[in-house]
Amino acid sequence: MVERNLTDHARSLSVFTDRLGETNEELTLIQVERAARDEQRKHLNDRLQRIEASIAGIQRLGWWVLATFSASAVALISNFLFRGGFHVP
């Protein structure tokens, strides 16, 4: 009877040990996946920040082009008026 109990306990302990090993393997996989996901998220955030900086640069360039075009248009119209463009002889 005592040998049977010891054998049953040994079997139970081996089952628990196997399950614990499987759980540790799953936990390791989850940790690796989480670390990979964090690195991907970090890389994505860096890329998005660079894209935003590029868009801001393009926007500043667009404002300069618009301001230059507007100033040229005002200068052209002013020049036309000062030279008597609407004067009909």
Protein backbone atom coordinates (compact mmCIF):
# COMPACT_ATOMS: atom_id res chain seq x y z
CA MET A 1 0.00 0.00 0.00
CA VAL A 2 2.77 2.44 0.87
CA GLU A 3 4.62 1.58 -2.35
CA ARG A 4 1.45 2.20 -4.32
CA ASN A 5 0.98 5.64 -2.73
CA LEU A 6 4.61 6.53 -3.43
CA THR A 7 4.24 5.41 -7.04
CA ASP A 8 1.04 7.41 -7.44
CA HIS A 9 2.69 10.46 -5.90
CA ALA A 10 5.72 10.07 -8.15
CA ARG A 11 3.42 9.85 -11.18
CA SER A 12 1.51 12.92 -10.04
CA LEU A 13 4.73 14.83 -9.49
CA SER A 14 6.01 13.90 -12.94
CA VAL A 15 2.72 15.10 -14.49
CA PHE A 16 2.98 18.37 -12.57
CA THR A 17 6.61 18.75 -13.62
CA ASP A 18 5.72 18.15 -17.27
CA ARG A 19 2.88 20.68 -17.10
CA LEU A 20 5.16 23.19 -15.40
CA GLY A 21 7.73 22.73 -18.18
CA GLU A 22 5.05 23.27 -20.84
CA THR A 23 3.82 26.35 -19.01
CA ASN A 24 7.36 27.75 -18.83
CA GLU A 25 7.81 27.17 -22.57
CA GLU A 26 4.53 28.94 -23.32
CA LEU A 27 5.49 31.80 -21.01
CA THR A 28 8.83 32.15 -22.78
CA LEU A 29 7.09 32.24 -26.16
CA ILE A 30 4.68 34.89 -24.91
CA GLN A 31 7.56 36.99 -23.58
CA VAL A 32 9.42 36.72 -26.88
CA GLU A 33 6.30 37.68 -28.84
CA ARG A 34 5.68 40.63 -26.52
CA ALA A 35 9.28 41.84 -26.91
CA ALA A 36 9.03 41.51 -30.69
CA ARG A 37 5.73 43.40 -30.71
CA ASP A 38 7.23 46.17 -28.55
CA GLU A 39 10.17 46.52 -30.96
CA GLN A 40 7.80 46.65 -33.93
CA ARG A 41 5.72 49.31 -32.20
CA LYS A 42 8.87 51.32 -31.41
CA HIS A 43 10.05 51.06 -35.02
CA LEU A 44 6.60 52.06 -36.30
CA ASN A 45 6.52 55.10 -33.99
CA ASP A 46 9.96 56.18 -35.23
CA ARG A 47 8.83 55.84 -38.85
CA LEU A 48 5.64 57.80 -38.18
CA GLN A 49 7.60 60.60 -36.52
CA ARG A 50 9.92 60.82 -39.54
CA ILE A 51 6.91 60.90 -41.88
CA GLU A 52 5.30 63.65 -39.82
CA ALA A 53 8.53 65.67 -39.95
CA SER A 54 8.66 65.23 -43.73
CA ILE A 55 5.05 66.35 -44.10
CA ALA A 56 5.74 69.40 -41.93
CA GLY A 57 8.69 70.26 -44.18
CA ILE A 58 6.53 69.95 -47.28
CA GLN A 59 3.87 72.10 -45.64
CA ARG A 60 6.43 74.83 -44.87
CA LEU A 61 7.63 74.68 -48.47
CA GLY A 62 4.02 74.97 -49.67
CA TRP A 63 3.50 78.09 -47.57
CA TRP A 64 6.64 79.65 -49.03
CA VAL A 65 5.50 78.87 -52.56
CA LEU A 66 2.04 80.30 -51.85
CA ALA A 67 3.49 83.43 -50.26
CA THR A 68 5.90 83.93 -53.17
CA PHE A 69 3.14 83.44 -55.72
CA SER A 70 0.83 85.84 -53.86
CA ALA A 71 3.53 88.48 -53.54
CA SER A 72 4.34 88.15 -57.24
CA ALA A 73 0.67 88.51 -58.15
CA VAL A 74 0.32 91.62 -55.98
CA ALA A 75 3.50 93.10 -57.51
CA LEU A 76 2.27 92.35 -61.03
CA ILE A 77 -1.14 93.95 -60.42
CA SER A 78 0.46 96.97 -58.71
CA ASN A 79 2.88 97.43 -61.59
CA PHE A 80 0.02 97.23 -64.07
CA LEU A 81 -1.97 99.86 -62.14
CA PHE A 82 0.97 102.26 -61.68
CA ARG A 83 1.86 102.16 -65.33
CA GLY A 84 -1.64 103.25 -66.19
CA GLY A 85 -2.99 99.90 -67.24
CA PHE A 86 -6.62 100.98 -67.04
CA HIS A 87 -5.97 104.31 -68.75
CA VAL A 88 -7.84 104.53 -72.03
CA PRO A 89 -6.61 107.35 -74.28
